[in-house]
Amino acid sequence: MQKLVDCSKELAGKIQNHVPALSELKEVVEKSLAANFENVSVDVRDCPDLSAEPFSLQSSGFGKNLRIADIGGPSNLYPRFHTHSEFDLREIAKVCELPSAALFGPGAGHWPTVGVNSEMVVDANLASGKVSTKVAKIDDSNPKGYAVSKIQEPKFNMMANIAISEPDQAEQVVHFKASIRKGSKNLTNTIRDALAEYYGEKPVSLAGLFIIQKGKAKLHVMPDFPGCPFESNEEVDKWLRYFEMEAPLVCASILHSYDPGMSLRLEHTHCYSEHGEGGHYHYDTTPEDVVYEGWFAPANHVYRIDKC
């Protein structure tokens, strides 16, 4: 039986972030990408219309009064399962002091709705009451071995990292294009590591979306829960199912430069698509062909919920 977590009681803390100017962030991102990709361009511009393809989100923009909710985490999988604790997006938005927000971000899907454990990209506009969360689940009857769908249930299990901002507000963001990866880091670690180096113990958190426009990428999809608890993190890694997936992939990403003792997940990215690909992003597998385009903004606060 599912038990709804009282997020107000499980709020471990609210982090006041350092919020750099977008012009400064542009320089940090540009320098980091140039070290890892052959072709790079970075600018500051308005957020694109996220309700249009290929994003197809329920809010047309993000960034105004941006904050991030970091809920649960991998520790709800290991050392023991916390599969029966569920979280409600509406309650999370209230605890994060923006009850009519738009939300997006990676996490674990609501298994009672999906039928099994799954990867998730939250997509909700609480002002309009619309939810169209994307989920990827293992499906051995599918030739690909997995299936991608959408659910309207505003709940999830175990973990999520969610961008929360005013709905349908197109704020300015740091926009970049990068292609032909020459370094060893994936896209998100390229940016996150640069933030960590530049800002040190000043916590800077970014939320955003990027598109893998060309090439292929390694993603994983969590299978259904095993019959007994894992005995090590190595068992968790072996349990995950890994796939090479085709562009275009839309990816929702949360990055933190620094963890001030709140057990934050420093990087988390999930992808989805209209052609049936989706899951947890690891890295591109075709560095000579890959093309990325992204839009990121800094968050004012991070709310740590269900610190585990």
Protein backbone atom coordinates (compact mmCIF):
# COMPACT_ATOMS: atom_id res chain seq x y z
CA MET A 1 0.00 0.00 0.00
CA GLN A 2 1.26 3.45 -0.90
CA LYS A 3 1.79 6.05 1.81
CA LEU A 4 1.84 9.72 0.80
CA VAL A 5 4.89 11.48 2.24
CA ASP A 6 4.13 14.66 4.19
CA CYS A 7 6.68 16.85 2.42
CA SER A 8 6.32 19.68 4.94
CA LYS A 9 7.52 17.34 7.70
CA GLU A 10 10.24 15.87 5.49
CA LEU A 11 11.72 19.25 4.47
CA ALA A 12 15.32 18.92 5.66
CA GLY A 13 16.37 22.39 4.66
CA LYS A 14 16.21 25.29 2.23
CA ILE A 15 19.47 26.30 0.58
CA GLN A 16 19.98 29.93 -0.40
CA ASN A 17 21.91 29.71 -3.66
CA HIS A 18 24.43 32.05 -5.13
CA VAL A 19 22.77 33.32 -8.32
CA PRO A 20 25.35 34.59 -10.80
CA ALA A 21 24.48 36.94 -13.62
CA LEU A 22 23.64 35.17 -16.86
CA SER A 23 26.49 37.00 -18.57
CA GLU A 24 28.92 35.47 -16.07
CA LEU A 25 27.37 32.01 -16.40
CA LYS A 26 27.70 32.31 -20.16
CA GLU A 27 31.44 32.73 -19.82
CA VAL A 28 31.80 29.76 -17.45
CA VAL A 29 29.70 27.49 -19.67
CA GLU A 30 31.43 28.63 -22.85
CA LYS A 31 34.91 27.95 -21.46
CA SER A 32 33.93 24.49 -20.19
CA LEU A 33 32.27 23.44 -23.45
CA ALA A 34 35.17 24.71 -25.56
CA ALA A 35 37.51 22.40 -23.66
CA ASN A 36 35.38 19.34 -24.48
CA PHE A 37 33.80 20.05 -27.91
CA GLU A 38 35.15 21.15 -31.28
CA ASN A 39 32.32 23.55 -32.11
CA VAL A 40 30.74 25.74 -29.43
CA SER A 41 28.51 28.81 -29.32
CA VAL A 42 26.95 30.28 -26.18
CA ASP A 43 24.66 33.27 -25.71
CA VAL A 44 21.93 34.66 -23.47
CA ARG A 45 18.43 34.69 -24.93
CA ASP A 46 14.76 34.16 -24.10
CA CYS A 47 13.65 30.64 -23.26
CA PRO A 48 12.07 28.97 -26.31
CA ASP A 49 8.42 27.94 -26.41
CA LEU A 50 8.54 24.70 -24.44
CA SER A 51 4.95 23.83 -25.31
CA ALA A 52 6.02 23.40 -28.96
CA GLU A 53 7.79 20.39 -30.43
CA PRO A 54 10.16 18.80 -29.72
CA PHE A 55 9.71 19.71 -26.02
CA SER A 56 5.90 19.39 -25.91
CA LEU A 57 5.76 20.44 -22.24
CA GLN A 58 2.73 21.72 -20.37
CA SER A 59 4.33 25.12 -19.67
CA SER A 60 5.53 27.38 -22.47
CA GLY A 61 8.56 28.60 -20.51
CA PHE A 62 10.57 28.35 -17.31
CA GLY A 63 12.93 30.37 -15.16
CA LYS A 64 10.90 33.00 -13.31
CA ASN A 65 11.29 32.52 -9.53
CA LEU A 66 13.15 29.31 -10.29
CA ARG A 67 13.82 26.92 -7.46
CA ILE A 68 14.77 23.22 -7.34
CA ALA A 69 13.31 20.43 -5.23
CA ASP A 70 15.71 17.57 -4.45
CA ILE A 71 13.52 14.72 -3.22
CA GLY A 72 14.66 11.36 -1.86
CA GLY A 73 17.49 9.81 -3.83
CA PRO A 74 19.30 6.59 -4.71
CA SER A 75 19.38 5.73 -1.00
CA ASN A 76 15.68 4.92 -1.35
CA LEU A 77 16.85 2.01 -3.53
CA TYR A 78 19.94 0.93 -1.60
CA PRO A 79 20.63 -0.18 1.09
CA ARG A 80 16.88 -0.83 1.39
CA PHE A 81 13.81 -0.20 -0.73
CA HIS A 82 11.43 2.65 0.04
CA THR A 83 9.03 1.76 -2.73
CA HIS A 84 5.81 2.41 -0.84
CA SER A 85 6.49 6.07 -0.08
CA GLU A 86 4.93 8.29 -2.74
CA PHE A 87 5.24 12.01 -3.38
CA ASP A 88 2.67 14.42 -4.81
CA LEU A 89 3.80 17.21 -7.13
CA ARG A 90 1.13 19.52 -5.75
CA GLU A 91 2.40 19.12 -2.20
CA ILE A 92 5.99 19.58 -3.31
CA ALA A 93 5.11 22.84 -5.05
CA LYS A 94 3.42 24.09 -1.86
CA VAL A 95 6.44 23.22 0.29
CA CYS A 96 8.63 24.99 -2.27
CA GLU A 97 6.44 28.08 -1.86
CA LEU A 98 5.10 28.18 -5.42
CA PRO A 99 1.81 26.24 -5.38
CA SER A 100 0.75 27.14 -8.94
CA ALA A 101 4.08 26.30 -10.51
CA ALA A 102 5.23 24.57 -13.64
CA LEU A 103 7.51 21.60 -12.96
CA PHE A 104 9.92 19.45 -14.94
CA GLY A 105 12.80 17.16 -14.10
CA PRO A 106 14.13 13.62 -13.75
CA GLY A 107 13.03 11.00 -11.24
CA ALA A 108 11.49 7.58 -10.66
CA GLY A 109 7.96 7.09 -11.97
CA HIS A 110 4.81 6.29 -10.02
CA TRP A 111 4.92 2.50 -10.25
CA PRO A 112 1.26 1.91 -9.22
CA THR A 113 0.23 3.92 -12.29
CA VAL A 114 2.91 2.68 -14.70
CA GLY A 115 2.57 -0.91 -13.47
CA VAL A 116 6.30 -1.32 -12.83
CA ASN A 117 9.30 0.71 -11.75
CA SER A 118 10.27 3.32 -14.37
CA GLU A 119 12.35 6.33 -15.33
CA MET A 120 10.45 9.63 -15.34
CA VAL A 121 10.55 13.17 -16.66
CA VAL A 122 8.06 15.22 -14.64
CA ASP A 123 5.91 17.52 -16.77
CA ALA A 124 3.20 19.44 -14.92
CA ASN A 125 1.54 22.84 -15.00
CA LEU A 126 -0.32 23.24 -11.72
CA ALA A 127 -1.88 26.54 -12.81
CA SER A 128 -3.73 24.76 -15.62
CA GLY A 129 -3.99 21.45 -13.77
CA LYS A 130 -2.35 19.58 -16.65
CA VAL A 131 0.13 16.73 -16.13
CA SER A 132 1.85 14.84 -18.94
CA THR A 133 4.76 13.11 -17.23
CA LYS A 134 6.97 11.04 -19.52
CA VAL A 135 7.98 7.54 -18.37
CA ALA A 136 10.27 4.84 -19.74
CA LYS A 137 9.87 1.26 -18.51
CA ILE A 138 11.38 -2.11 -19.33
CA ASP A 139 9.08 -4.00 -21.69
CA ASP A 140 10.46 -7.30 -22.95
CA SER A 141 7.54 -7.66 -25.35
CA ASN A 142 8.81 -4.58 -27.20
CA PRO A 143 11.60 -5.25 -29.75
CA LYS A 144 13.58 -2.38 -28.19
CA GLY A 145 13.30 -3.91 -24.70
CA TYR A 146 11.64 -0.79 -23.30
CA ALA A 147 8.63 1.43 -23.90
CA VAL A 148 7.98 5.16 -23.46
CA SER A 149 4.58 6.61 -22.57
CA LYS A 150 2.88 9.50 -20.76
CA ILE A 151 0.86 9.52 -17.55
CA GLN A 152 -1.44 12.14 -16.02
CA GLU A 153 -0.89 11.07 -12.39
CA PRO A 154 0.79 13.90 -10.38
CA LYS A 155 2.71 11.47 -8.16
CA PHE A 156 6.00 9.56 -8.17
CA ASN A 157 8.09 7.27 -5.98
CA MET A 158 11.55 7.21 -4.38
CA MET A 159 13.37 10.16 -5.95
CA ALA A 160 13.22 13.22 -8.19
CA ASN A 161 15.09 16.42 -8.96
CA ILE A 162 12.57 18.99 -10.08
CA ALA A 163 12.76 22.51 -11.53
CA ILE A 164 9.90 24.64 -10.22
CA SER A 165 9.05 28.08 -11.58
CA GLU A 166 6.20 30.37 -12.58
CA PRO A 167 4.13 28.74 -15.34
CA ASP A 168 4.22 30.05 -18.91
CA GLN A 169 6.90 32.64 -18.15
CA ALA A 170 9.74 32.84 -20.68
CA GLU A 171 12.74 34.22 -18.79
CA GLN A 172 16.17 34.66 -20.27
CA VAL A 173 18.46 31.64 -20.13
CA VAL A 174 21.98 30.60 -21.08
CA HIS A 175 21.69 28.98 -24.50
CA PHE A 176 24.42 26.87 -26.08
CA LYS A 177 25.24 24.68 -29.04
CA ALA A 178 28.05 22.13 -28.95
CA SER A 179 29.12 19.45 -31.40
CA ILE A 180 31.91 16.92 -32.03
CA ARG A 181 32.96 15.88 -28.54
CA LYS A 182 36.76 15.75 -28.23
CA GLY A 183 37.03 15.22 -24.48
CA SER A 184 36.08 12.34 -22.17
CA LYS A 185 33.35 14.04 -20.11
CA ASN A 186 29.68 13.91 -20.93
CA LEU A 187 27.79 17.16 -21.49
CA THR A 188 26.35 17.59 -18.02
CA ASN A 189 29.57 16.82 -16.15
CA THR A 190 31.43 19.20 -18.44
CA ILE A 191 29.21 22.04 -17.22
CA ARG A 192 28.83 20.91 -13.61
CA ASP A 193 32.56 20.43 -13.04
CA ALA A 194 33.20 23.92 -14.39
CA LEU A 195 30.64 25.39 -11.99
CA ALA A 196 32.26 23.55 -9.08
CA GLU A 197 35.73 24.81 -10.01
CA TYR A 198 34.67 28.41 -10.60
CA TYR A 199 32.30 28.91 -7.65
CA GLY A 200 33.89 26.65 -5.02
CA GLU A 201 31.72 26.52 -1.90
CA LYS A 202 29.23 29.05 -3.26
CA PRO A 203 26.28 26.79 -4.17
CA VAL A 204 25.14 27.36 -7.76
CA SER A 205 22.32 25.20 -9.12
CA LEU A 206 21.14 25.07 -12.72
CA ALA A 207 17.98 23.63 -14.21
CA GLY A 208 17.42 23.23 -17.88
CA LEU A 209 16.71 21.26 -20.99
CA PHE A 210 18.98 20.15 -23.77
CA ILE A 211 18.41 18.29 -27.01
CA ILE A 212 20.70 15.66 -28.45
CA GLN A 213 19.94 16.65 -32.02
CA LYS A 214 22.19 14.18 -33.78
CA GLY A 215 23.97 10.97 -32.84
CA LYS A 216 23.37 8.27 -30.26
CA ALA A 217 23.60 8.10 -26.47
CA LYS A 218 23.89 5.53 -23.69
CA LEU A 219 20.86 5.56 -21.39
CA HIS A 220 19.61 3.19 -18.74
CA VAL A 221 16.11 2.15 -17.73
CA MET A 222 15.42 0.70 -14.29
CA PRO A 223 13.77 -2.73 -14.34
CA ASP A 224 11.03 -3.63 -11.92
CA PHE A 225 12.08 -4.06 -8.30
CA PRO A 226 13.98 -7.27 -7.48
CA GLY A 227 12.64 -9.76 -4.98
CA CYS A 228 15.14 -8.91 -2.25
CA PRO A 229 17.26 -5.88 -1.28
CA PHE A 230 20.57 -5.14 -2.96
CA GLU A 231 23.73 -6.02 -1.06
CA SER A 232 25.99 -3.47 -2.76
CA ASN A 233 26.03 -0.57 -5.20
CA GLU A 234 27.66 -2.92 -7.69
CA GLU A 235 24.49 -5.02 -7.63
CA VAL A 236 22.46 -1.91 -8.38
CA ASP A 237 24.62 -1.17 -11.43
CA LYS A 238 24.23 -4.73 -12.72
CA TRP A 239 20.47 -4.55 -12.19
CA LEU A 240 20.07 -1.51 -14.44
CA ARG A 241 19.41 -2.12 -18.15
CA TYR A 242 21.57 -0.12 -20.55
CA PHE A 243 20.69 0.84 -24.12
CA GLU A 244 22.06 2.89 -26.99
CA MET A 245 19.31 5.28 -28.09
CA GLU A 246 18.85 7.46 -31.15
CA ALA A 247 18.56 11.24 -31.43
CA PRO A 248 16.65 13.44 -31.26
CA LEU A 249 16.35 13.16 -27.48
CA VAL A 250 14.97 15.90 -25.22
CA CYS A 251 16.72 15.84 -21.85
CA ALA A 252 15.68 17.45 -18.55
CA SER A 253 18.65 18.18 -16.30
CA ILE A 254 19.47 19.44 -12.80
CA LEU A 255 23.05 20.40 -11.85
CA HIS A 256 24.50 21.50 -8.48
CA SER A 257 28.00 22.95 -8.17
CA TYR A 258 28.31 22.17 -4.45
CA ASP A 259 26.56 20.19 -1.72
CA PRO A 260 26.47 22.11 1.59
CA GLY A 261 25.88 18.94 3.62
CA MET A 262 22.38 18.16 2.31
CA SER A 263 23.10 14.93 0.38
CA LEU A 264 22.19 16.55 -2.92
CA ARG A 265 22.32 14.58 -6.12
CA LEU A 266 24.83 16.75 -7.95
CA GLU A 267 23.75 15.79 -11.47
CA HIS A 268 20.63 14.06 -12.75
CA THR A 269 19.37 13.94 -16.33
CA HIS A 270 16.55 12.01 -18.00
CA CYS A 271 15.57 12.02 -21.67
CA TYR A 272 12.41 11.42 -23.69
CA SER A 273 11.33 11.57 -27.32
CA GLU A 274 8.38 11.26 -29.65
CA HIS A 275 9.92 8.22 -31.36
CA GLY A 276 9.83 5.95 -28.32
CA GLU A 277 13.30 6.49 -26.81
CA GLY A 278 13.91 7.58 -23.22
CA GLY A 279 15.66 6.95 -19.93
CA HIS A 280 18.55 8.10 -17.72
CA TYR A 281 21.31 9.87 -19.65
CA HIS A 282 24.92 8.72 -19.27
CA TYR A 283 26.85 10.00 -22.31
CA ASP A 284 26.79 10.20 -26.09
CA THR A 285 28.29 7.19 -27.90
CA THR A 286 29.02 8.93 -31.21
CA PRO A 287 31.34 11.79 -30.24
CA GLU A 288 32.29 12.54 -33.84
CA ASP A 289 28.64 13.07 -34.81
CA VAL A 290 26.92 14.37 -31.68
CA VAL A 291 25.16 17.73 -31.70
CA TYR A 292 23.76 19.30 -28.51
CA GLU A 293 21.63 22.39 -27.95
CA GLY A 294 20.64 23.49 -24.45
CA TRP A 295 18.89 26.12 -22.32
CA PHE A 296 19.76 26.53 -18.61
CA ALA A 297 19.01 29.00 -15.81
CA PRO A 298 20.20 29.38 -12.19
CA ALA A 299 17.86 28.59 -9.30
CA ASN A 300 17.38 30.89 -6.31
CA HIS A 301 16.86 28.11 -3.78
CA VAL A 302 17.08 24.35 -3.33
CA TYR A 303 14.54 22.57 -1.11
CA ARG A 304 15.80 19.26 0.27
CA ILE A 305 12.88 16.89 0.91
CA ASP A 306 13.11 13.35 2.29
CA LYS A 307 16.86 13.57 2.90
CA CYS A 308 18.04 9.97 2.88
